[in-house]
Amino acid sequence: MTETVRTGGCQCGAVRFRIRGALGRPSICHCRMCQKQFGGFFGPLVTVKGETEWTRDEPAYFQSSINIARGFCKQCGTPLTYKHPGGLEIAIGAFDDRSDLAPQIQVNYGSRNPWVTTIFDQPVHEDPDYYSQQEHIISFQHPDHDTEIWPVHGLKL
């Protein structure tokens, strides 16, 4: 049987990780601290069961409460981790392949924004001219795979 290996990292590529073995339960947390950490409606996280190997630098941490430290890239600010007494969770969006990490549970549901359950019922913006303009953007985002060098585009952050 082949061991599962997961990789991921921050938006700029300054922090990269590798996890061997199965992951725990993917979730979304509606607490106000997760909303603020992610700058979004909730925090999407997955529990790490084994060891996390930081293959390029490692997160900086903000102690958000007595038992919780939240990790992020000190170069680009990408939210990466949630450390608590029971272990470590990693932001789902930081994984290179997120296709099988659909959240299975919602945490702190009582703190959710009341409209969060209807956001995907809203109209979809489908302007072909808008999307063709996106092809002209020059992205400095790190690709969704490990690279030998960083920064990939020769930029110094």
Protein backbone atom coordinates (compact mmCIF):
# COMPACT_ATOMS: atom_id res chain seq x y z
CA MET A 1 0.00 0.00 0.00
CA THR A 2 1.31 3.45 -0.89
CA GLU A 3 1.66 6.10 1.77
CA THR A 4 -0.32 9.27 1.14
CA VAL A 5 1.86 12.36 0.83
CA ARG A 6 0.30 15.82 0.86
CA THR A 7 2.06 19.05 0.02
CA GLY A 8 1.11 22.68 0.19
CA GLY A 9 2.16 26.13 1.20
CA CYS A 10 1.45 29.81 1.23
CA GLN A 11 0.52 32.04 -1.68
CA CYS A 12 4.06 33.34 -2.32
CA GLY A 13 5.84 30.00 -1.74
CA ALA A 14 8.06 31.17 1.13
CA VAL A 15 6.50 28.49 3.38
CA ARG A 16 5.96 24.94 2.11
CA PHE A 17 4.96 21.75 3.94
CA ARG A 18 4.72 17.99 3.43
CA ILE A 19 2.49 15.64 5.41
CA ARG A 20 2.76 11.86 5.22
CA GLY A 21 -0.22 9.67 6.04
CA ALA A 22 -3.91 10.25 6.46
CA LEU A 23 -5.43 13.52 7.55
CA GLY A 24 -8.22 13.94 10.06
CA ARG A 25 -11.59 15.58 9.70
CA PRO A 26 -11.94 18.62 7.41
CA SER A 27 -14.13 21.32 8.95
CA ILE A 28 -15.15 24.93 8.81
CA CYS A 29 -15.14 27.06 11.93
CA HIS A 30 -17.49 30.03 12.23
CA CYS A 31 -15.89 31.60 15.34
CA ARG A 32 -14.95 35.26 15.15
CA MET A 33 -11.24 34.49 15.52
CA CYS A 34 -11.29 32.23 12.45
CA GLN A 35 -13.29 34.83 10.52
CA LYS A 36 -10.62 37.41 11.31
CA GLN A 37 -7.66 35.08 10.69
CA PHE A 38 -8.91 34.12 7.24
CA GLY A 39 -10.51 37.47 6.44
CA GLY A 40 -13.56 35.50 5.39
CA PHE A 41 -16.87 34.05 6.47
CA PHE A 42 -15.30 31.03 8.24
CA GLY A 43 -12.03 29.17 8.67
CA PRO A 44 -11.62 25.99 6.57
CA LEU A 45 -9.25 23.60 8.38
CA VAL A 46 -8.22 19.95 8.38
CA THR A 47 -6.68 18.08 11.31
CA VAL A 48 -3.16 16.72 10.88
CA LYS A 49 -2.74 13.24 12.37
CA GLY A 50 0.97 12.75 11.73
CA GLU A 51 4.02 14.98 11.54
CA THR A 52 4.12 18.11 9.45
CA GLU A 53 7.46 18.63 7.72
CA TRP A 54 8.17 22.25 6.85
CA THR A 55 10.15 21.95 3.62
CA ARG A 56 10.70 25.68 3.07
CA ASP A 57 10.80 27.98 6.11
CA GLU A 58 7.89 27.66 8.56
CA PRO A 59 4.97 29.78 9.73
CA ALA A 60 5.23 32.72 12.08
CA TYR A 61 2.66 32.56 14.89
CA PHE A 62 0.17 34.88 16.54
CA GLN A 63 -1.08 33.78 19.97
CA SER A 64 -4.80 34.51 19.50
CA SER A 65 -5.88 33.16 22.89
CA ILE A 66 -4.48 31.35 25.91
CA ASN A 67 -4.36 27.94 24.18
CA ILE A 68 -4.41 28.85 20.48
CA ALA A 69 -1.62 29.97 18.14
CA ARG A 70 -2.40 30.80 14.52
CA GLY A 71 0.32 30.34 11.93
CA PHE A 72 0.82 32.47 8.82
CA CYS A 73 3.48 33.28 6.23
CA LYS A 74 5.51 36.26 7.40
CA GLN A 75 6.20 37.19 3.75
CA CYS A 76 2.71 37.24 2.20
CA GLY A 77 0.36 36.80 5.19
CA THR A 78 -1.35 33.60 4.04
CA PRO A 79 -3.16 31.92 6.98
CA LEU A 80 -1.72 28.41 7.38
CA THR A 81 -2.22 26.75 10.75
CA TYR A 82 -4.29 26.53 13.91
CA LYS A 83 -2.30 25.08 16.84
CA HIS A 84 -4.23 23.99 19.93
CA PRO A 85 -3.51 21.68 22.88
CA GLY A 86 -4.96 18.72 20.95
CA GLY A 87 -2.76 19.17 17.89
CA LEU A 88 -2.42 21.03 14.62
CA GLU A 89 -4.86 21.91 11.87
CA ILE A 90 -3.89 23.30 8.47
CA ALA A 91 -5.88 25.61 6.23
CA ILE A 92 -7.56 23.56 3.51
CA GLY A 93 -6.81 26.23 0.90
CA ALA A 94 -3.06 25.90 1.57
CA PHE A 95 -2.95 22.32 0.20
CA ASP A 96 -1.81 21.86 -3.40
CA ASP A 97 -4.62 19.33 -3.95
CA ARG A 98 -7.80 20.17 -2.05
CA SER A 99 -10.17 18.09 -4.16
CA ASP A 100 -10.99 15.54 -1.43
CA LEU A 101 -10.96 17.91 1.56
CA ALA A 102 -14.62 18.93 1.57
CA PRO A 103 -15.62 19.98 5.10
CA GLN A 104 -17.50 17.28 7.02
CA ILE A 105 -18.54 19.36 10.02
CA GLN A 106 -19.19 22.97 11.01
CA VAL A 107 -17.75 24.20 14.30
CA ASN A 108 -19.06 27.16 16.32
CA TYR A 109 -22.17 27.25 14.12
CA GLY A 110 -23.91 29.66 16.49
CA SER A 111 -21.32 32.33 15.63
CA ARG A 112 -21.89 32.12 11.88
CA ASN A 113 -23.00 35.09 9.84
CA PRO A 114 -26.76 34.47 9.39
CA TRP A 115 -26.54 34.84 5.59
CA VAL A 116 -23.64 32.41 5.12
CA THR A 117 -26.05 29.55 4.34
CA THR A 118 -27.42 31.42 1.31
CA ILE A 119 -24.29 32.81 -0.34
CA PHE A 120 -24.24 30.16 -3.06
CA ASP A 121 -27.87 30.86 -3.94
CA GLN A 122 -26.82 34.25 -5.34
CA PRO A 123 -26.60 34.95 -9.09
CA VAL A 124 -23.42 33.89 -10.88
CA HIS A 125 -21.37 36.53 -12.71
CA GLU A 126 -20.82 35.15 -16.21
CA ASP A 127 -19.37 37.97 -18.33
CA PRO A 128 -17.06 36.41 -20.98
CA ASP A 129 -15.21 39.73 -21.45
CA TYR A 130 -14.39 39.89 -17.75
CA TYR A 131 -12.95 36.38 -17.73
CA SER A 132 -10.90 36.91 -20.89
CA GLN A 133 -9.26 39.91 -19.19
CA GLN A 134 -8.05 37.59 -16.44
CA GLU A 135 -5.81 35.85 -18.98
CA HIS A 136 -3.70 39.01 -19.19
CA ILE A 137 -2.86 39.08 -15.48
CA ILE A 138 0.74 38.25 -14.67
CA SER A 139 0.57 36.19 -11.50
CA PHE A 140 3.36 35.93 -8.95
CA GLN A 141 1.50 33.27 -6.98
CA HIS A 142 3.53 30.14 -6.25
CA PRO A 143 2.35 27.12 -8.30
CA ASP A 144 0.48 24.26 -6.62
CA HIS A 145 3.56 22.02 -6.41
CA ASP A 146 7.01 22.05 -4.82
CA THR A 147 9.77 23.96 -6.59
CA GLU A 148 13.51 23.80 -6.05
CA ILE A 149 13.91 27.56 -5.98
CA TRP A 150 12.06 30.39 -4.33
CA PRO A 151 10.92 32.86 -5.31
CA VAL A 152 9.97 31.14 -8.54
CA HIS A 153 9.78 34.37 -10.55
CA GLY A 154 13.06 35.84 -9.31
CA LEU A 155 11.32 38.51 -7.25
CA LYS A 156 12.57 39.39 -3.80
CA LEU A 157 9.81 39.98 -1.32
